[in-house]
Amino acid sequence: MKRIFALLFYSLLFSLSLYAHGYTLTDHSKIKELSSFRIMGEIDLRTEKDISSEVKYRTLNHEGGMKVKVLEILKKDVQNDKTGKWLYVLLTAPMWVDNGEWIQEYQKFLIFLPDDMPLFDFEE
């Protein structure tokens, strides 16, 4: 009986670990280089590491979001009346963008992350 109970207990733990994710972050001061997270919402993507460069793509606001790893934190700024940070990130999962293109993972983008945008599956 103990073996059956132990087997059920460990099966439950294993099942829960399959669905475990990082937590939702609202305090962006915790973002560091090599932090990873998923962004939900529309974000402009620049392929050049220059805030005045042309926006190449725009993310879609869908359930998968944009999964990234932070390579560099550039600076705090205000864009479209929103405060936030400029981040140079590595895309860690492929995704669709607004023009219908499929963007492969491991591409680098410059993004502006507004302070009020929650981040999902955050890991330091």
PDB file of N, CA and C in Angstrom:
ATOM      1  N   MET A   1       0.815  -1.194   0.000  1.00  0.00           N
ATOM      2  CA  MET A   1       0.000   0.000   0.000  1.00  0.00           C
ATOM      3  C   MET A   1       0.862   1.264   0.000  1.00  0.00           C
ATOM      4  N   LYS A   2       1.961   1.232   0.793  1.00  0.00           N
ATOM      5  CA  LYS A   2       2.853   2.384   0.828  1.00  0.00           C
ATOM      6  C   LYS A   2       3.474   2.635  -0.540  1.00  0.00           C
ATOM      7  N   ARG A   3       3.815   1.556  -1.239  1.00  0.00           N
ATOM      8  CA  ARG A   3       4.417   1.708  -2.577  1.00  0.00           C
ATOM      9  C   ARG A   3       3.440   2.351  -3.551  1.00  0.00           C
ATOM     10  N   ILE A   4       2.189   1.951  -3.492  1.00  0.00           N
ATOM     11  CA  ILE A   4       1.183   2.521  -4.395  1.00  0.00           C
ATOM     12  C   ILE A   4       1.004   4.008  -4.093  1.00  0.00           C
ATOM     13  N   PHE A   5       0.913   4.334  -2.805  1.00  0.00           N
ATOM     14  CA  PHE A   5       0.766   5.728  -2.413  1.00  0.00           C
ATOM     15  C   PHE A   5       1.985   6.547  -2.847  1.00  0.00           C
ATOM     16  N   ALA A   6       3.176   6.022  -2.647  1.00  0.00           N
ATOM     17  CA  ALA A   6       4.402   6.715  -3.047  1.00  0.00           C
ATOM     18  C   ALA A   6       4.449   6.886  -4.556  1.00  0.00           C
ATOM     19  N   LEU A   7       4.058   5.854  -5.296  1.00  0.00           N
ATOM     20  CA  LEU A   7       4.046   5.935  -6.760  1.00  0.00           C
ATOM     21  C   LEU A   7       3.072   7.008  -7.237  1.00  0.00           C
ATOM     22  N   LEU A   8       1.884   7.058  -6.630  1.00  0.00           N
ATOM     23  CA  LEU A   8       0.904   8.092  -6.990  1.00  0.00           C
ATOM     24  C   LEU A   8       1.420   9.484  -6.657  1.00  0.00           C
ATOM     25  N   PHE A   9       2.061   9.620  -5.502  1.00  0.00           N
ATOM     26  CA  PHE A   9       2.603  10.904  -5.080  1.00  0.00           C
ATOM     27  C   PHE A   9       3.673  11.397  -6.060  1.00  0.00           C
ATOM     28  N   TYR A  10       4.607  10.548  -6.423  1.00  0.00           N
ATOM     29  CA  TYR A  10       5.669  10.942  -7.352  1.00  0.00           C
ATOM     30  C   TYR A  10       5.137  11.179  -8.757  1.00  0.00           C
ATOM     31  N   SER A  11       4.112  10.456  -9.149  1.00  0.00           N
ATOM     32  CA  SER A  11       3.468  10.697 -10.446  1.00  0.00           C
ATOM     33  C   SER A  11       2.838  12.077 -10.476  1.00  0.00           C
ATOM     34  N   LEU A  12       2.206  12.456  -9.376  1.00  0.00           N
ATOM     35  CA  LEU A  12       1.595  13.779  -9.278  1.00  0.00           C
ATOM     36  C   LEU A  12       2.656  14.876  -9.341  1.00  0.00           C
ATOM     37  N   LEU A  13       3.746  14.709  -8.606  1.00  0.00           N
ATOM     38  CA  LEU A  13       4.828  15.695  -8.644  1.00  0.00           C
ATOM     39  C   LEU A  13       5.405  15.841 -10.044  1.00  0.00           C
ATOM     40  N   PHE A  14       5.611  14.723 -10.719  1.00  0.00           N
ATOM     41  CA  PHE A  14       6.143  14.762 -12.081  1.00  0.00           C
ATOM     42  C   PHE A  14       5.178  15.481 -13.013  1.00  0.00           C
ATOM     43  N   SER A  15       3.885  15.193 -12.896  1.00  0.00           N
ATOM     44  CA  SER A  15       2.881  15.840 -13.753  1.00  0.00           C
ATOM     45  C   SER A  15       2.855  17.346 -13.520  1.00  0.00           C
ATOM     46  N   LEU A  16       2.925  17.757 -12.268  1.00  0.00           N
ATOM     47  CA  LEU A  16       2.926  19.190 -11.971  1.00  0.00           C
ATOM     48  C   LEU A  16       4.168  19.879 -12.506  1.00  0.00           C
ATOM     49  N   SER A  17       5.305  19.216 -12.479  1.00  0.00           N
ATOM     50  CA  SER A  17       6.537  19.828 -12.975  1.00  0.00           C
ATOM     51  C   SER A  17       6.490  20.053 -14.476  1.00  0.00           C
ATOM     52  N   LEU A  18       5.703  19.256 -15.190  1.00  0.00           N
ATOM     53  CA  LEU A  18       5.570  19.459 -16.635  1.00  0.00           C
ATOM     54  C   LEU A  18       4.884  20.774 -16.956  1.00  0.00           C
ATOM     55  N   TYR A  19       4.013  21.227 -16.058  1.00  0.00           N
ATOM     56  CA  TYR A  19       3.254  22.447 -16.293  1.00  0.00           C
ATOM     57  C   TYR A  19       3.803  23.644 -15.533  1.00  0.00           C
ATOM     58  N   ALA A  20       4.864  23.465 -14.803  1.00  0.00           N
ATOM     59  CA  ALA A  20       5.434  24.555 -14.011  1.00  0.00           C
ATOM     60  C   ALA A  20       6.110  25.571 -14.924  1.00  0.00           C
ATOM     61  N   HIS A  21       5.926  26.816 -14.616  1.00  0.00           N
ATOM     62  CA  HIS A  21       6.540  27.917 -15.363  1.00  0.00           C
ATOM     63  C   HIS A  21       7.097  28.903 -14.357  1.00  0.00           C
ATOM     64  N   GLY A  22       7.869  29.853 -14.880  1.00  0.00           N
ATOM     65  CA  GLY A  22       8.330  30.941 -14.036  1.00  0.00           C
ATOM     66  C   GLY A  22       7.144  31.794 -13.630  1.00  0.00           C
ATOM     67  N   TYR A  23       7.395  32.827 -12.871  1.00  0.00           N
ATOM     68  CA  TYR A  23       6.291  33.633 -12.376  1.00  0.00           C
ATOM     69  C   TYR A  23       6.089  34.892 -13.222  1.00  0.00           C
ATOM     70  N   THR A  24       4.962  35.566 -12.990  1.00  0.00           N
ATOM     71  CA  THR A  24       4.644  36.803 -13.683  1.00  0.00           C
ATOM     72  C   THR A  24       5.345  37.944 -12.969  1.00  0.00           C
ATOM     73  N   LEU A  25       6.028  38.770 -13.737  1.00  0.00           N
ATOM     74  CA  LEU A  25       6.805  39.887 -13.185  1.00  0.00           C
ATOM     75  C   LEU A  25       6.168  41.205 -13.576  1.00  0.00           C
ATOM     76  N   THR A  26       5.947  42.063 -12.588  1.00  0.00           N
ATOM     77  CA  THR A  26       5.459  43.414 -12.871  1.00  0.00           C
ATOM     78  C   THR A  26       6.490  44.469 -12.478  1.00  0.00           C
ATOM     79  N   ASP A  27       7.494  44.088 -11.711  1.00  0.00           N
ATOM     80  CA  ASP A  27       8.554  44.997 -11.281  1.00  0.00           C
ATOM     81  C   ASP A  27       9.774  44.790 -12.184  1.00  0.00           C
ATOM     82  N   HIS A  28       9.907  45.638 -13.182  1.00  0.00           N
ATOM     83  CA  HIS A  28      10.976  45.462 -14.177  1.00  0.00           C
ATOM     84  C   HIS A  28      12.372  45.748 -13.645  1.00  0.00           C
ATOM     85  N   SER A  29      12.475  46.239 -12.416  1.00  0.00           N
ATOM     86  CA  SER A  29      13.806  46.462 -11.855  1.00  0.00           C
ATOM     87  C   SER A  29      14.538  45.137 -11.621  1.00  0.00           C
ATOM     88  N   LYS A  30      13.815  44.030 -11.639  1.00  0.00           N
ATOM     89  CA  LYS A  30      14.421  42.711 -11.445  1.00  0.00           C
ATOM     90  C   LYS A  30      15.025  42.138 -12.729  1.00  0.00           C
ATOM     91  N   ILE A  31      14.783  42.788 -13.847  1.00  0.00           N
ATOM     92  CA  ILE A  31      15.334  42.311 -15.117  1.00  0.00           C
ATOM     93  C   ILE A  31      16.842  42.533 -15.126  1.00  0.00           C
ATOM     94  N   LYS A  32      17.584  41.488 -15.463  1.00  0.00           N
ATOM     95  CA  LYS A  32      19.038  41.552 -15.564  1.00  0.00           C
ATOM     96  C   LYS A  32      19.455  40.919 -16.879  1.00  0.00           C
ATOM     97  N   GLU A  33      20.722  41.066 -17.219  1.00  0.00           N
ATOM     98  CA  GLU A  33      21.233  40.352 -18.381  1.00  0.00           C
ATOM     99  C   GLU A  33      21.073  38.861 -18.128  1.00  0.00           C
ATOM    100  N   LEU A  34      20.655  38.146 -19.141  1.00  0.00           N
ATOM    101  CA  LEU A  34      20.384  36.708 -19.153  1.00  0.00           C
ATOM    102  C   LEU A  34      19.051  36.330 -18.505  1.00  0.00           C
ATOM    103  N   SER A  35      18.255  37.311 -18.056  1.00  0.00           N
ATOM    104  CA  SER A  35      16.889  37.007 -17.631  1.00  0.00           C
ATOM    105  C   SER A  35      16.123  36.527 -18.861  1.00  0.00           C
ATOM    106  N   SER A  36      15.162  35.651 -18.648  1.00  0.00           N
ATOM    107  CA  SER A  36      14.324  35.221 -19.772  1.00  0.00           C
ATOM    108  C   SER A  36      12.864  35.337 -19.361  1.00  0.00           C
ATOM    109  N   PHE A  37      12.003  35.607 -20.344  1.00  0.00           N
ATOM    110  CA  PHE A  37      10.585  35.792 -20.079  1.00  0.00           C
ATOM    111  C   PHE A  37       9.818  35.786 -21.393  1.00  0.00           C
ATOM    112  N   ARG A  38       8.484  35.821 -21.238  1.00  0.00           N
ATOM    113  CA  ARG A  38       7.579  35.859 -22.384  1.00  0.00           C
ATOM    114  C   ARG A  38       6.804  37.164 -22.309  1.00  0.00           C
ATOM    115  N   ILE A  39       6.744  37.877 -23.424  1.00  0.00           N
ATOM    116  CA  ILE A  39       6.043  39.160 -23.505  1.00  0.00           C
ATOM    117  C   ILE A  39       4.769  38.963 -24.301  1.00  0.00           C
ATOM    118  N   MET A  40       3.662  39.371 -23.729  1.00  0.00           N
ATOM    119  CA  MET A  40       2.385  39.350 -24.429  1.00  0.00           C
ATOM    120  C   MET A  40       2.082  40.781 -24.855  1.00  0.00           C
ATOM    121  N   GLY A  41       1.610  40.966 -26.048  1.00  0.00           N
ATOM    122  CA  GLY A  41       1.285  42.306 -26.513  1.00  0.00           C
ATOM    123  C   GLY A  41       2.063  42.639 -27.762  1.00  0.00           C
ATOM    124  N   GLU A  42       1.860  43.832 -28.243  1.00  0.00           N
ATOM    125  CA  GLU A  42       2.521  44.276 -29.466  1.00  0.00           C
ATOM    126  C   GLU A  42       3.799  45.023 -29.108  1.00  0.00           C
ATOM    127  N   ILE A  43       4.901  44.555 -29.673  1.00  0.00           N
ATOM    128  CA  ILE A  43       6.215  45.149 -29.438  1.00  0.00           C
ATOM    129  C   ILE A  43       6.881  45.389 -30.787  1.00  0.00           C
ATOM    130  N   ASP A  44       7.467  46.579 -30.950  1.00  0.00           N
ATOM    131  CA  ASP A  44       8.244  46.873 -32.153  1.00  0.00           C
ATOM    132  C   ASP A  44       9.596  46.183 -32.055  1.00  0.00           C
ATOM    133  N   LEU A  45      10.029  45.575 -33.160  1.00  0.00           N
ATOM    134  CA  LEU A  45      11.311  44.869 -33.209  1.00  0.00           C
ATOM    135  C   LEU A  45      12.231  45.574 -34.192  1.00  0.00           C
ATOM    136  N   ARG A  46      13.395  45.951 -33.704  1.00  0.00           N
ATOM    137  CA  ARG A  46      14.428  46.556 -34.548  1.00  0.00           C
ATOM    138  C   ARG A  46      15.565  45.543 -34.682  1.00  0.00           C
ATOM    139  N   THR A  47      16.061  45.373 -35.880  1.00  0.00           N
ATOM    140  CA  THR A  47      17.142  44.415 -36.095  1.00  0.00           C
ATOM    141  C   THR A  47      18.503  45.039 -35.842  1.00  0.00           C
ATOM    142  N   GLU A  48      18.558  46.362 -35.813  1.00  0.00           N
ATOM    143  CA  GLU A  48      19.810  47.052 -35.509  1.00  0.00           C
ATOM    144  C   GLU A  48      19.791  47.494 -34.041  1.00  0.00           C
ATOM    145  N   LYS A  49      20.935  47.520 -33.438  1.00  0.00           N
ATOM    146  CA  LYS A  49      21.055  47.915 -32.028  1.00  0.00           C
ATOM    147  C   LYS A  49      21.196  49.434 -31.925  1.00  0.00           C
ATOM    148  N   ASP A  50      20.173  50.126 -32.441  1.00  0.00           N
ATOM    149  CA  ASP A  50      20.154  51.584 -32.503  1.00  0.00           C
ATOM    150  C   ASP A  50      18.698  52.013 -32.337  1.00  0.00           C
ATOM    151  N   ILE A  51      18.393  52.787 -31.277  1.00  0.00           N
ATOM    152  CA  ILE A  51      17.004  53.142 -31.011  1.00  0.00           C
ATOM    153  C   ILE A  51      16.378  54.013 -32.100  1.00  0.00           C
ATOM    154  N   SER A  52      17.187  54.650 -32.929  1.00  0.00           N
ATOM    155  CA  SER A  52      16.641  55.466 -34.017  1.00  0.00           C
ATOM    156  C   SER A  52      16.486  54.667 -35.309  1.00  0.00           C
ATOM    157  N   SER A  53      16.827  53.375 -35.283  1.00  0.00           N
ATOM    158  CA  SER A  53      16.719  52.563 -36.493  1.00  0.00           C
ATOM    159  C   SER A  53      15.256  52.239 -36.803  1.00  0.00           C
ATOM    160  N   GLU A  54      15.029  51.807 -38.016  1.00  0.00           N
ATOM    161  CA  GLU A  54      13.696  51.486 -38.511  1.00  0.00           C
ATOM    162  C   GLU A  54      13.138  50.243 -37.809  1.00  0.00           C
ATOM    163  N   VAL A  55      11.836  50.285 -37.533  1.00  0.00           N
ATOM    164  CA  VAL A  55      11.153  49.113 -36.982  1.00  0.00           C
ATOM    165  C   VAL A  55      10.989  48.111 -38.113  1.00  0.00           C
ATOM    166  N   LYS A  56      11.518  46.924 -37.941  1.00  0.00           N
ATOM    167  CA  LYS A  56      11.485  45.887 -38.982  1.00  0.00           C
ATOM    168  C   LYS A  56      10.229  45.029 -38.883  1.00  0.00           C
ATOM    169  N   TYR A  57       9.829  44.680 -37.650  1.00  0.00           N
ATOM    170  CA  TYR A  57       8.658  43.833 -37.425  1.00  0.00           C
ATOM    171  C   TYR A  57       7.886  44.360 -36.223  1.00  0.00           C
ATOM    172  N   ARG A  58       6.667  43.853 -36.087  1.00  0.00           N
ATOM    173  CA  ARG A  58       5.845  44.129 -34.904  1.00  0.00           C
ATOM    174  C   ARG A  58       5.231  42.804 -34.482  1.00  0.00           C
ATOM    175  N   THR A  59       5.324  42.518 -33.181  1.00  0.00           N
ATOM    176  CA  THR A  59       4.779  41.247 -32.690  1.00  0.00           C
ATOM    177  C   THR A  59       3.259  41.264 -32.718  1.00  0.00           C
ATOM    178  N   LEU A  60       2.684  40.083 -32.699  1.00  0.00           N
ATOM    179  CA  LEU A  60       1.241  39.932 -32.598  1.00  0.00           C
ATOM    180  C   LEU A  60       0.897  39.697 -31.135  1.00  0.00           C
ATOM    181  N   ASN A  61      -0.266  40.134 -30.729  1.00  0.00           N
ATOM    182  CA  ASN A  61      -0.722  39.876 -29.370  1.00  0.00           C
ATOM    183  C   ASN A  61      -1.508  38.574 -29.381  1.00  0.00           C
ATOM    184  N   HIS A  62      -0.815  37.453 -29.183  1.00  0.00           N
ATOM    185  CA  HIS A  62      -1.477  36.152 -29.165  1.00  0.00           C
ATOM    186  C   HIS A  62      -0.985  35.337 -27.983  1.00  0.00           C
ATOM    187  N   GLU A  63      -1.607  34.190 -27.754  1.00  0.00           N
ATOM    188  CA  GLU A  63      -1.352  33.416 -26.540  1.00  0.00           C
ATOM    189  C   GLU A  63       0.080  32.932 -26.380  1.00  0.00           C
ATOM    190  N   GLY A  64       0.820  32.768 -27.463  1.00  0.00           N
ATOM    191  CA  GLY A  64       2.200  32.301 -27.345  1.00  0.00           C
ATOM    192  C   GLY A  64       3.154  33.383 -26.886  1.00  0.00           C
ATOM    193  N   GLY A  65       2.871  34.610 -27.247  1.00  0.00           N
ATOM    194  CA  GLY A  65       3.733  35.710 -26.881  1.00  0.00           C
ATOM    195  C   GLY A  65       5.102  35.627 -27.543  1.00  0.00           C
ATOM    196  N   MET A  66       6.010  36.479 -27.115  1.00  0.00           N
ATOM    197  CA  MET A  66       7.380  36.509 -27.626  1.00  0.00           C
ATOM    198  C   MET A  66       8.303  36.067 -26.494  1.00  0.00           C
ATOM    199  N   LYS A  67       9.038  34.990 -26.719  1.00  0.00           N
ATOM    200  CA  LYS A  67       9.941  34.453 -25.699  1.00  0.00           C
ATOM    201  C   LYS A  67      11.352  34.945 -25.979  1.00  0.00           C
ATOM    202  N   VAL A  68      11.955  35.592 -24.972  1.00  0.00           N
ATOM    203  CA  VAL A  68      13.262  36.218 -25.156  1.00  0.00           C
ATOM    204  C   VAL A  68      14.195  35.964 -23.988  1.00  0.00           C
ATOM    205  N   LYS A  69      15.477  36.180 -24.249  1.00  0.00           N
ATOM    206  CA  LYS A  69      16.513  36.221 -23.217  1.00  0.00           C
ATOM    207  C   LYS A  69      17.202  37.567 -23.373  1.00  0.00           C
ATOM    208  N   VAL A  70      17.411  38.277 -22.273  1.00  0.00           N
ATOM    209  CA  VAL A  70      18.008  39.612 -22.310  1.00  0.00           C
ATOM    210  C   VAL A  70      19.521  39.493 -22.498  1.00  0.00           C
ATOM    211  N   LEU A  71      20.016  40.129 -23.542  1.00  0.00           N
ATOM    212  CA  LEU A  71      21.455  40.171 -23.789  1.00  0.00           C
ATOM    213  C   LEU A  71      22.084  41.413 -23.180  1.00  0.00           C
ATOM    214  N   GLU A  72      21.323  42.520 -23.242  1.00  0.00           N
ATOM    215  CA  GLU A  72      21.858  43.784 -22.729  1.00  0.00           C
ATOM    216  C   GLU A  72      20.711  44.726 -22.392  1.00  0.00           C
ATOM    217  N   ILE A  73      20.861  45.455 -21.292  1.00  0.00           N
ATOM    218  CA  ILE A  73      19.924  46.510 -20.916  1.00  0.00           C
ATOM    219  C   ILE A  73      20.577  47.818 -21.328  1.00  0.00           C
ATOM    220  N   LEU A  74      19.955  48.528 -22.259  1.00  0.00           N
ATOM    221  CA  LEU A  74      20.589  49.731 -22.804  1.00  0.00           C
ATOM    222  C   LEU A  74      20.326  50.981 -21.973  1.00  0.00           C
ATOM    223  N   LYS A  75      19.049  51.369 -21.834  1.00  0.00           N
ATOM    224  CA  LYS A  75      18.773  52.585 -21.054  1.00  0.00           C
ATOM    225  C   LYS A  75      17.285  52.712 -20.785  1.00  0.00           C
ATOM    226  N   LYS A  76      16.949  53.542 -19.779  1.00  0.00           N
ATOM    227  CA  LYS A  76      15.560  53.905 -19.517  1.00  0.00           C
ATOM    228  C   LYS A  76      15.204  55.037 -20.474  1.00  0.00           C
ATOM    229  N   ASP A  77      13.927  55.093 -20.844  1.00  0.00           N
ATOM    230  CA  ASP A  77      13.504  56.082 -21.820  1.00  0.00           C
ATOM    231  C   ASP A  77      11.992  56.260 -21.729  1.00  0.00           C
ATOM    232  N   VAL A  78      11.471  57.208 -22.506  1.00  0.00           N
ATOM    233  CA  VAL A  78      10.032  57.416 -22.654  1.00  0.00           C
ATOM    234  C   VAL A  78       9.713  57.330 -24.140  1.00  0.00           C
ATOM    235  N   GLN A  79       8.769  56.457 -24.489  1.00  0.00           N
ATOM    236  CA  GLN A  79       8.317  56.291 -25.867  1.00  0.00           C
ATOM    237  C   GLN A  79       6.792  56.316 -25.870  1.00  0.00           C
ATOM    238  N   ASN A  80       6.207  57.146 -26.729  1.00  0.00           N
ATOM    239  CA  ASN A  80       4.743  57.245 -26.826  1.00  0.00           C
ATOM    240  C   ASN A  80       4.101  57.460 -25.448  1.00  0.00           C
ATOM    241  N   ASP A  81       4.676  58.362 -24.677  1.00  0.00           N
ATOM    242  CA  ASP A  81       4.185  58.725 -23.343  1.00  0.00           C
ATOM    243  C   ASP A  81       4.244  57.583 -22.329  1.00  0.00           C
ATOM    244  N   LYS A  82       5.054  56.564 -22.592  1.00  0.00           N
ATOM    245  CA  LYS A  82       5.221  55.451 -21.649  1.00  0.00           C
ATOM    246  C   LYS A  82       6.684  55.353 -21.255  1.00  0.00           C
ATOM    247  N   THR A  83       6.922  55.186 -19.957  1.00  0.00           N
ATOM    248  CA  THR A  83       8.298  54.969 -19.509  1.00  0.00           C
ATOM    249  C   THR A  83       8.624  53.484 -19.641  1.00  0.00           C
ATOM    250  N   GLY A  84       9.903  53.215 -19.850  1.00  0.00           N
ATOM    251  CA  GLY A  84      10.319  51.826 -20.003  1.00  0.00           C
ATOM    252  C   GLY A  84      11.811  51.720 -20.202  1.00  0.00           C
ATOM    253  N   LYS A  85      12.227  50.543 -20.705  1.00  0.00           N
ATOM    254  CA  LYS A  85      13.645  50.263 -20.931  1.00  0.00           C
ATOM    255  C   LYS A  85      13.862  49.769 -22.346  1.00  0.00           C
ATOM    256  N   TRP A  86      15.000  50.140 -22.884  1.00  0.00           N
ATOM    257  CA  TRP A  86      15.453  49.566 -24.144  1.00  0.00           C
ATOM    258  C   TRP A  86      16.262  48.317 -23.817  1.00  0.00           C
ATOM    259  N   LEU A  87      15.875  47.203 -24.413  1.00  0.00           N
ATOM    260  CA  LEU A  87      16.553  45.932 -24.196  1.00  0.00           C
ATOM    261  C   LEU A  87      17.010  45.343 -25.524  1.00  0.00           C
ATOM    262  N   TYR A  88      18.187  44.771 -25.518  1.00  0.00           N
ATOM    263  CA  TYR A  88      18.676  44.005 -26.663  1.00  0.00           C
ATOM    264  C   TYR A  88      18.464  42.547 -26.276  1.00  0.00           C
ATOM    265  N   VAL A  89      17.628  41.846 -27.049  1.00  0.00           N
ATOM    266  CA  VAL A  89      17.193  40.512 -26.655  1.00  0.00           C
ATOM    267  C   VAL A  89      17.468  39.476 -27.744  1.00  0.00           C
ATOM    268  N   LEU A  90      17.488  38.231 -27.312  1.00  0.00           N
ATOM    269  CA  LEU A  90      17.603  37.080 -28.205  1.00  0.00           C
ATOM    270  C   LEU A  90      16.258  36.375 -28.187  1.00  0.00           C
ATOM    271  N   LEU A  91      15.670  36.189 -29.352  1.00  0.00           N
ATOM    272  CA  LEU A  91      14.417  35.463 -29.470  1.00  0.00           C
ATOM    273  C   LEU A  91      14.697  33.985 -29.204  1.00  0.00           C
ATOM    274  N   THR A  92      13.974  33.369 -28.271  1.00  0.00           N
ATOM    275  CA  THR A  92      14.261  31.982 -27.901  1.00  0.00           C
ATOM    276  C   THR A  92      13.219  30.988 -28.400  1.00  0.00           C
ATOM    277  N   ALA A  93      12.215  31.471 -29.105  1.00  0.00           N
ATOM    278  CA  ALA A  93      11.215  30.598 -29.717  1.00  0.00           C
ATOM    279  C   ALA A  93      10.712  31.293 -30.980  1.00  0.00           C
ATOM    280  N   PRO A  94      10.395  30.547 -32.026  1.00  0.00           N
ATOM    281  CA  PRO A  94       9.899  31.177 -33.250  1.00  0.00           C
ATOM    282  C   PRO A  94       8.514  31.786 -33.029  1.00  0.00           C
ATOM    283  N   MET A  95       8.137  32.716 -33.901  1.00  0.00           N
ATOM    284  CA  MET A  95       6.819  33.359 -33.751  1.00  0.00           C
ATOM    285  C   MET A  95       6.401  34.014 -35.063  1.00  0.00           C
ATOM    286  N   TRP A  96       5.114  34.289 -35.164  1.00  0.00           N
ATOM    287  CA  TRP A  96       4.569  35.050 -36.275  1.00  0.00           C
ATOM    288  C   TRP A  96       4.633  36.531 -35.930  1.00  0.00           C
ATOM    289  N   VAL A  97       4.819  37.368 -36.949  1.00  0.00           N
ATOM    290  CA  VAL A  97       4.770  38.817 -36.755  1.00  0.00           C
ATOM    291  C   VAL A  97       3.638  39.390 -37.595  1.00  0.00           C
ATOM    292  N   ASP A  98       3.367  40.690 -37.436  1.00  0.00           N
ATOM    293  CA  ASP A  98       2.171  41.300 -38.016  1.00  0.00           C
ATOM    294  C   ASP A  98       2.098  41.266 -39.539  1.00  0.00           C
ATOM    295  N   ASN A  99       3.227  41.164 -40.227  1.00  0.00           N
ATOM    296  CA  ASN A  99       3.178  41.126 -41.695  1.00  0.00           C
ATOM    297  C   ASN A  99       3.016  39.705 -42.234  1.00  0.00           C
ATOM    298  N   GLY A 100       2.805  38.741 -41.345  1.00  0.00           N
ATOM    299  CA  GLY A 100       2.580  37.360 -41.751  1.00  0.00           C
ATOM    300  C   GLY A 100       3.839  36.515 -41.849  1.00  0.00           C
ATOM    301  N   GLU A 101       4.992  37.111 -41.560  1.00  0.00           N
ATOM    302  CA  GLU A 101       6.246  36.349 -41.630  1.00  0.00           C
ATOM    303  C   GLU A 101       6.430  35.498 -40.379  1.00  0.00           C
ATOM    304  N   TRP A 102       7.109  34.364 -40.556  1.00  0.00           N
ATOM    305  CA  TRP A 102       7.483  33.467 -39.468  1.00  0.00           C
ATOM    306  C   TRP A 102       8.924  33.773 -39.124  1.00  0.00           C
ATOM    307  N   ILE A 103       9.179  34.229 -37.905  1.00  0.00           N
ATOM    308  CA  ILE A 103      10.520  34.608 -37.472  1.00  0.00           C
ATOM    309  C   ILE A 103      11.102  33.435 -36.679  1.00  0.00           C
ATOM    310  N   GLN A 104      12.261  32.971 -37.100  1.00  0.00           N
ATOM    311  CA  GLN A 104      12.927  31.858 -36.419  1.00  0.00           C
ATOM    312  C   GLN A 104      13.585  32.335 -35.125  1.00  0.00           C
ATOM    313  N   GLU A 105      13.755  31.408 -34.191  1.00  0.00           N
ATOM    314  CA  GLU A 105      14.437  31.730 -32.940  1.00  0.00           C
ATOM    315  C   GLU A 105      15.913  32.033 -33.192  1.00  0.00           C
ATOM    316  N   TYR A 106      16.560  32.541 -32.171  1.00  0.00           N
ATOM    317  CA  TYR A 106      17.983  32.890 -32.134  1.00  0.00           C
ATOM    318  C   TYR A 106      18.328  34.114 -32.982  1.00  0.00           C
ATOM    319  N   GLN A 107      17.345  34.962 -33.223  1.00  0.00           N
ATOM    320  CA  GLN A 107      17.611  36.256 -33.848  1.00  0.00           C
ATOM    321  C   GLN A 107      17.634  37.305 -32.738  1.00  0.00           C
ATOM    322  N   LYS A 108      18.397  38.358 -32.958  1.00  0.00           N
ATOM    323  CA  LYS A 108      18.545  39.419 -31.957  1.00  0.00           C
ATOM    324  C   LYS A 108      17.734  40.632 -32.381  1.00  0.00           C
ATOM    325  N   PHE A 109      17.069  41.245 -31.376  1.00  0.00           N
ATOM    326  CA  PHE A 109      16.247  42.421 -31.634  1.00  0.00           C
ATOM    327  C   PHE A 109      16.434  43.451 -30.533  1.00  0.00           C
ATOM    328  N   LEU A 110      16.263  44.694 -30.907  1.00  0.00           N
ATOM    329  CA  LEU A 110      16.205  45.793 -29.958  1.00  0.00           C
ATOM    330  C   LEU A 110      14.727  46.075 -29.728  1.00  0.00           C
ATOM    331  N   ILE A 111      14.306  46.101 -28.462  1.00  0.00           N
ATOM    332  CA  ILE A 111      12.902  46.365 -28.149  1.00  0.00           C
ATOM    333  C   ILE A 111      12.803  47.427 -27.068  1.00  0.00           C
ATOM    334  N   PHE A 112      11.670  48.121 -27.055  1.00  0.00           N
ATOM    335  CA  PHE A 112      11.345  49.019 -25.949  1.00  0.00           C
ATOM    336  C   PHE A 112      10.285  48.315 -25.122  1.00  0.00           C
ATOM    337  N   LEU A 113      10.587  48.071 -23.861  1.00  0.00           N
ATOM    338  CA  LEU A 113       9.676  47.373 -22.959  1.00  0.00           C
ATOM    339  C   LEU A 113       9.060  48.374 -21.995  1.00  0.00           C
ATOM    340  N   PRO A 114       7.764  48.708 -22.160  1.00  0.00           N
ATOM    341  CA  PRO A 114       7.109  49.640 -21.240  1.00  0.00           C
ATOM    342  C   PRO A 114       7.075  49.087 -19.815  1.00  0.00           C
ATOM    343  N   ASP A 115       7.209  49.969 -18.835  1.00  0.00           N
ATOM    344  CA  ASP A 115       7.220  49.565 -17.429  1.00  0.00           C
ATOM    345  C   ASP A 115       5.921  48.897 -16.986  1.00  0.00           C
ATOM    346  N   ASP A 116       4.800  49.230 -17.632  1.00  0.00           N
ATOM    347  CA  ASP A 116       3.515  48.678 -17.195  1.00  0.00           C
ATOM    348  C   ASP A 116       3.149  47.356 -17.886  1.00  0.00           C
ATOM    349  N   MET A 117       4.056  46.802 -18.689  1.00  0.00           N
ATOM    350  CA  MET A 117       3.755  45.550 -19.384  1.00  0.00           C
ATOM    351  C   MET A 117       4.203  44.364 -18.525  1.00  0.00           C
ATOM    352  N   PRO A 118       3.264  43.495 -18.136  1.00  0.00           N
ATOM    353  CA  PRO A 118       3.644  42.330 -17.332  1.00  0.00           C
ATOM    354  C   PRO A 118       4.458  41.327 -18.161  1.00  0.00           C
ATOM    355  N   LEU A 119       5.361  40.640 -17.498  1.00  0.00           N
ATOM    356  CA  LEU A 119       6.180  39.635 -18.146  1.00  0.00           C
ATOM    357  C   LEU A 119       5.826  38.276 -17.560  1.00  0.00           C
ATOM    358  N   PHE A 120       5.746  37.272 -18.406  1.00  0.00           N
ATOM    359  CA  PHE A 120       5.307  35.945 -17.981  1.00  0.00           C
ATOM    360  C   PHE A 120       6.475  34.963 -18.046  1.00  0.00           C
ATOM    361  N   ASP A 121       6.396  33.931 -17.249  1.00  0.00           N
ATOM    362  CA  ASP A 121       7.414  32.874 -17.195  1.00  0.00           C
ATOM    363  C   ASP A 121       8.794  33.467 -16.939  1.00  0.00           C
ATOM    364  N   PHE A 122       8.868  34.468 -16.068  1.00  0.00           N
ATOM    365  CA  PHE A 122      10.125  35.161 -15.785  1.00  0.00           C
ATOM    366  C   PHE A 122      11.098  34.259 -15.036  1.00  0.00           C
ATOM    367  N   GLU A 123      12.330  34.241 -15.502  1.00  0.00           N
ATOM    368  CA  GLU A 123      13.424  33.522 -14.822  1.00  0.00           C
ATOM    369  C   GLU A 123      14.643  34.403 -14.835  1.00  0.00           C
ATOM    370  N   GLU A 124      15.304  34.525 -13.673  1.00  0.00           N
ATOM    371  CA  GLU A 124      16.524  35.347 -13.594  1.00  0.00           C
ATOM    372  C   GLU A 124      17.690  34.660 -14.232  1.00  0.00           C
TER     373      GLU A 124
END
